[in-house]
Amino acid sequence: VLRNVKLSGSIPTDIWSYQELKH
């Protein structure tokens, strides 16, 4: 997912994914 987000270039989504991983 993180890779997909990076490809999309969505900063807000990246943060969301990061939080999910931390969880």
C-alpha atoms as a PDB file:
ATOM      1  CA  VAL A   1       0.000   0.000   0.000  1.00  0.00           C
ATOM      2  CA  LEU A   2       2.819   2.371   0.929  1.00  0.00           C
ATOM      3  CA  ARG A   3       4.324   1.878  -2.529  1.00  0.00           C
ATOM      4  CA  ASN A   4       0.976   2.569  -4.166  1.00  0.00           C
ATOM      5  CA  VAL A   5       0.613   5.740  -2.122  1.00  0.00           C
ATOM      6  CA  LYS A   6       4.095   6.894  -3.059  1.00  0.00           C
ATOM      7  CA  LEU A   7       3.279   6.292  -6.722  1.00  0.00           C
ATOM      8  CA  SER A   8       0.082   8.286  -6.343  1.00  0.00           C
ATOM      9  CA  GLY A   9       2.019  11.033  -4.581  1.00  0.00           C
ATOM     10  CA  SER A  10      -0.572  11.539  -1.864  1.00  0.00           C
ATOM     11  CA  ILE A  11       0.971  13.015   1.277  1.00  0.00           C
ATOM     12  CA  PRO A  12      -2.199  12.681   3.441  1.00  0.00           C
ATOM     13  CA  THR A  13      -2.668   9.081   2.351  1.00  0.00           C
ATOM     14  CA  ASP A  14       0.985   8.333   3.129  1.00  0.00           C
ATOM     15  CA  ILE A  15       0.464   9.529   6.698  1.00  0.00           C
ATOM     16  CA  TRP A  16      -2.674   7.417   7.025  1.00  0.00           C
ATOM     17  CA  SER A  17      -0.824   4.324   5.798  1.00  0.00           C
ATOM     18  CA  TYR A  18       2.037   5.070   8.179  1.00  0.00           C
ATOM     19  CA  GLN A  19      -0.354   5.301  11.135  1.00  0.00           C
ATOM     20  CA  GLU A  20      -1.956   2.012  10.094  1.00  0.00           C
ATOM     21  CA  LEU A  21       1.457   0.339  10.038  1.00  0.00           C
ATOM     22  CA  LYS A  22       2.296   1.774  13.448  1.00  0.00           C
ATOM     23  CA  HIS A  23      -0.989   0.440  14.768  1.00  0.00           C
END
